Amino acid sequence: DWEGLGVSPMKNTLKYSLSMQKNPAHPEEPEKAYARLQLNGVLDINALAAHMANHNSIYSKGTIVGIITDMCHCIKEAITEGNAIELGELGRFTPSITSEGTLPGVDEEGKPITAMEAFTEANIKDVNVNYELGAGLDFKREDFDFEFVTTRKAQAAAKKAQKKGQSSADWSEDTSDEDGD
């Protein structure tokens, strides 16, 4: 516990850019500026295992990859059996289903039936897994510092202009947002 030692834990800095967006729930409202996180990259299972192995682990990267892979298979099996999975500080995985609702109606013989009687297995549309963060992954705003950076699109346009010897860049033509910023 850092606070008990009178020391502040080291904060990591998250980079963000700004994006003008409409609120999908209220499209009639004007656009507002929102922060968009800029990822530094993606760690795949091998990179995460290597990172874990470098933290004074007695397990090798290969062993950790094997454990994580086996865990994924076992979680899937347990969920298909109708179980939720509680993984302590990692969190909880809970299966759920989505379905199409039914109204009261009539059966094949024309007799009135309730909405409950009209519901069949065909109304179940999908199986989902909900994830709830565990205490070990409980992030709070105060855990981070933030750094404003230009959008990836602006960075790419500036780099391209600089290579061409231009002193300014125009990125207004392309409005795509493929990099999540």
Protein backbone atom coordinates (compact mmCIF):
# COMPACT_ATOMS: atom_id res chain seq x y z
CA ASP A 1 0.00 0.00 0.00
CA TRP A 2 1.74 3.13 -1.24
CA GLU A 3 -0.34 5.55 0.81
CA GLY A 4 0.64 3.86 4.10
CA LEU A 5 4.29 4.53 3.23
CA GLY A 6 3.64 8.21 2.53
CA VAL A 7 4.63 7.65 -1.10
CA SER A 8 2.49 8.28 -4.15
CA PRO A 9 2.35 5.43 -6.66
CA MET A 10 3.86 6.21 -10.04
CA LYS A 11 1.19 7.23 -12.50
CA ASN A 12 1.18 6.28 -16.13
CA THR A 13 0.24 8.83 -18.75
CA LEU A 14 -2.54 8.15 -21.21
CA LYS A 15 -2.46 10.07 -24.48
CA TYR A 16 -5.68 11.46 -25.89
CA SER A 17 -6.83 13.60 -28.77
CA LEU A 18 -10.09 15.45 -29.28
CA SER A 19 -12.92 14.65 -31.63
CA MET A 20 -16.15 16.49 -32.41
CA GLN A 21 -19.09 14.09 -32.14
CA LYS A 22 -22.84 14.07 -31.85
CA ASN A 23 -24.49 12.24 -29.00
CA PRO A 24 -26.20 9.21 -30.65
CA ALA A 25 -28.87 9.24 -27.94
CA HIS A 26 -29.67 12.91 -28.75
CA PRO A 27 -28.79 13.56 -32.42
CA GLU A 28 -30.67 16.85 -32.36
CA GLU A 29 -28.08 18.32 -29.97
CA PRO A 30 -24.98 20.09 -31.36
CA GLU A 31 -21.67 18.29 -31.65
CA LYS A 32 -19.44 18.37 -28.59
CA ALA A 33 -15.71 17.89 -28.13
CA TYR A 34 -14.87 14.51 -26.60
CA ALA A 35 -11.56 12.97 -25.57
CA ARG A 36 -10.48 9.88 -27.53
CA LEU A 37 -7.81 7.62 -26.08
CA GLN A 38 -4.84 6.89 -28.32
CA LEU A 39 -3.52 3.37 -27.82
CA ASN A 40 0.21 2.82 -27.83
CA GLY A 41 -0.26 -0.69 -29.17
CA VAL A 42 -1.82 -4.08 -28.50
CA LEU A 43 -0.24 -6.84 -26.47
CA ASP A 44 -1.10 -10.27 -27.84
CA ILE A 45 -0.96 -13.37 -25.66
CA ASN A 46 2.74 -13.91 -26.40
CA ALA A 47 3.70 -10.34 -25.53
CA LEU A 48 1.64 -10.43 -22.33
CA ALA A 49 3.21 -13.78 -21.37
CA ALA A 50 6.71 -12.39 -22.00
CA HIS A 51 5.86 -9.34 -19.89
CA MET A 52 4.59 -11.58 -17.08
CA ALA A 53 7.65 -13.86 -17.30
CA ASN A 54 9.91 -10.79 -16.90
CA HIS A 55 8.29 -9.90 -13.56
CA ASN A 56 10.38 -12.36 -11.55
CA SER A 57 8.05 -15.21 -12.46
CA ILE A 58 9.19 -18.78 -11.96
CA TYR A 59 7.27 -19.63 -15.13
CA SER A 60 8.59 -19.24 -18.65
CA LYS A 61 6.78 -17.35 -21.38
CA GLY A 62 5.78 -20.66 -23.00
CA THR A 63 4.34 -22.01 -19.75
CA ILE A 64 2.35 -18.82 -19.20
CA VAL A 65 0.99 -18.93 -22.79
CA GLY A 66 -0.03 -22.55 -22.21
CA ILE A 67 -1.78 -21.71 -18.94
CA ILE A 68 -3.67 -18.78 -20.46
CA THR A 69 -4.66 -20.85 -23.51
CA ASP A 70 -5.86 -23.74 -21.36
CA MET A 71 -7.70 -21.29 -19.09
CA CYS A 72 -9.56 -19.84 -22.10
CA HIS A 73 -10.67 -23.32 -23.21
CA CYS A 74 -11.79 -24.18 -19.68
CA ILE A 75 -13.66 -20.88 -19.27
CA LYS A 76 -15.51 -21.51 -22.54
CA GLU A 77 -16.37 -25.06 -21.46
CA ALA A 78 -17.60 -23.91 -18.05
CA ILE A 79 -19.69 -21.12 -19.58
CA THR A 80 -21.28 -23.52 -22.09
CA GLU A 81 -22.27 -25.58 -19.06
CA GLY A 82 -24.12 -22.52 -17.69
CA ASN A 83 -21.57 -21.43 -15.08
CA ALA A 84 -20.25 -17.97 -14.27
CA ILE A 85 -16.50 -17.77 -13.73
CA GLU A 86 -15.07 -15.79 -10.81
CA LEU A 87 -11.34 -15.10 -11.21
CA GLY A 88 -10.59 -13.04 -8.12
CA GLU A 89 -8.80 -9.81 -8.93
CA LEU A 90 -9.16 -10.44 -12.68
CA GLY A 91 -12.95 -10.31 -12.58
CA ARG A 92 -16.07 -12.27 -13.32
CA PHE A 93 -17.35 -13.74 -16.61
CA THR A 94 -21.10 -14.36 -16.66
CA PRO A 95 -23.06 -15.88 -19.56
CA SER A 96 -26.26 -14.18 -20.68
CA ILE A 97 -28.67 -14.48 -23.57
CA THR A 98 -30.54 -11.99 -25.72
CA SER A 99 -33.99 -12.77 -26.98
CA GLU A 100 -36.80 -11.34 -29.03
CA GLY A 101 -39.88 -10.61 -26.95
CA THR A 102 -43.29 -12.07 -27.69
CA LEU A 103 -46.81 -10.73 -27.37
CA PRO A 104 -49.99 -12.58 -26.53
CA GLY A 105 -51.42 -14.22 -29.62
CA VAL A 106 -53.19 -17.30 -30.88
CA ASP A 107 -51.97 -20.87 -31.30
CA GLU A 108 -52.26 -23.09 -34.39
CA GLU A 109 -55.88 -23.81 -33.51
CA GLY A 110 -56.77 -20.14 -33.11
CA LYS A 111 -57.03 -20.27 -29.32
CA PRO A 112 -55.70 -17.27 -27.37
CA ILE A 113 -52.31 -17.74 -25.73
CA THR A 114 -50.29 -15.60 -23.34
CA ALA A 115 -47.00 -13.95 -24.24
CA MET A 116 -45.27 -16.59 -22.10
CA GLU A 117 -46.96 -19.38 -24.06
CA ALA A 118 -46.03 -17.71 -27.38
CA PHE A 119 -42.32 -17.64 -26.46
CA THR A 120 -40.24 -20.44 -28.01
CA GLU A 121 -36.56 -21.28 -28.12
CA ALA A 122 -36.48 -19.67 -31.58
CA ASN A 123 -36.89 -16.30 -29.81
CA ILE A 124 -33.41 -16.68 -28.27
CA LYS A 125 -31.11 -14.76 -30.61
CA ASP A 126 -27.61 -14.83 -29.10
CA VAL A 127 -25.40 -15.93 -26.21
CA ASN A 128 -23.14 -13.29 -24.69
CA VAL A 129 -20.53 -13.24 -21.97
CA ASN A 130 -20.56 -10.23 -19.67
CA TYR A 131 -17.31 -9.25 -18.00
CA GLU A 132 -17.13 -7.41 -14.69
CA LEU A 133 -13.78 -5.98 -13.62
CA GLY A 134 -12.26 -7.43 -10.48
CA ALA A 135 -10.72 -5.39 -7.69
CA GLY A 136 -7.24 -5.87 -9.18
CA LEU A 137 -8.35 -4.11 -12.37
CA ASP A 138 -10.37 -1.35 -10.73
CA PHE A 139 -8.97 1.71 -12.50
CA LYS A 140 -9.74 5.19 -11.27
CA ARG A 141 -9.18 8.52 -12.99
CA GLU A 142 -6.68 9.53 -10.32
CA ASP A 143 -4.51 6.54 -11.28
CA PHE A 144 -3.49 8.34 -14.47
CA ASP A 145 -2.02 11.52 -15.85
CA PHE A 146 -3.20 12.67 -19.26
CA GLU A 147 -1.38 14.19 -22.22
CA PHE A 148 -3.17 15.92 -25.09
CA VAL A 149 -1.76 15.00 -28.52
CA THR A 150 -2.96 15.70 -32.04
CA THR A 151 -5.05 13.08 -33.79
CA ARG A 152 -3.34 10.29 -35.69
CA LYS A 153 -4.78 11.75 -38.90
CA ALA A 154 -3.20 15.14 -38.14
CA GLN A 155 0.10 13.47 -37.25
CA ALA A 156 0.11 11.52 -40.53
CA ALA A 157 -0.74 14.61 -42.58
CA ALA A 158 1.99 16.66 -40.88
CA LYS A 159 4.56 13.91 -41.46
CA LYS A 160 3.57 13.64 -45.13
CA ALA A 161 3.75 17.43 -45.59
CA GLN A 162 7.11 17.62 -43.84
CA LYS A 163 8.58 14.93 -46.11
CA LYS A 164 7.38 16.96 -49.11
CA GLY A 165 9.04 20.08 -47.69
CA GLN A 166 5.70 21.79 -47.04
CA SER A 167 5.24 24.05 -44.04
CA SER A 168 1.57 23.16 -43.46
CA ALA A 169 -0.71 20.19 -43.84
CA ASP A 170 -4.39 19.76 -44.70
CA TRP A 171 -6.14 16.72 -43.29
CA SER A 172 -9.69 18.06 -43.69
CA GLU A 173 -10.45 16.11 -46.91
CA ASP A 174 -10.35 12.62 -45.35
CA THR A 175 -12.95 12.36 -42.59
CA SER A 176 -12.44 8.64 -41.91
CA ASP A 177 -11.64 7.69 -38.34
CA GLU A 178 -9.89 4.34 -38.68
CA ASP A 179 -7.34 4.78 -35.89
CA GLY A 180 -9.83 5.44 -33.11
CA ASP A 181 -9.05 9.09 -32.67
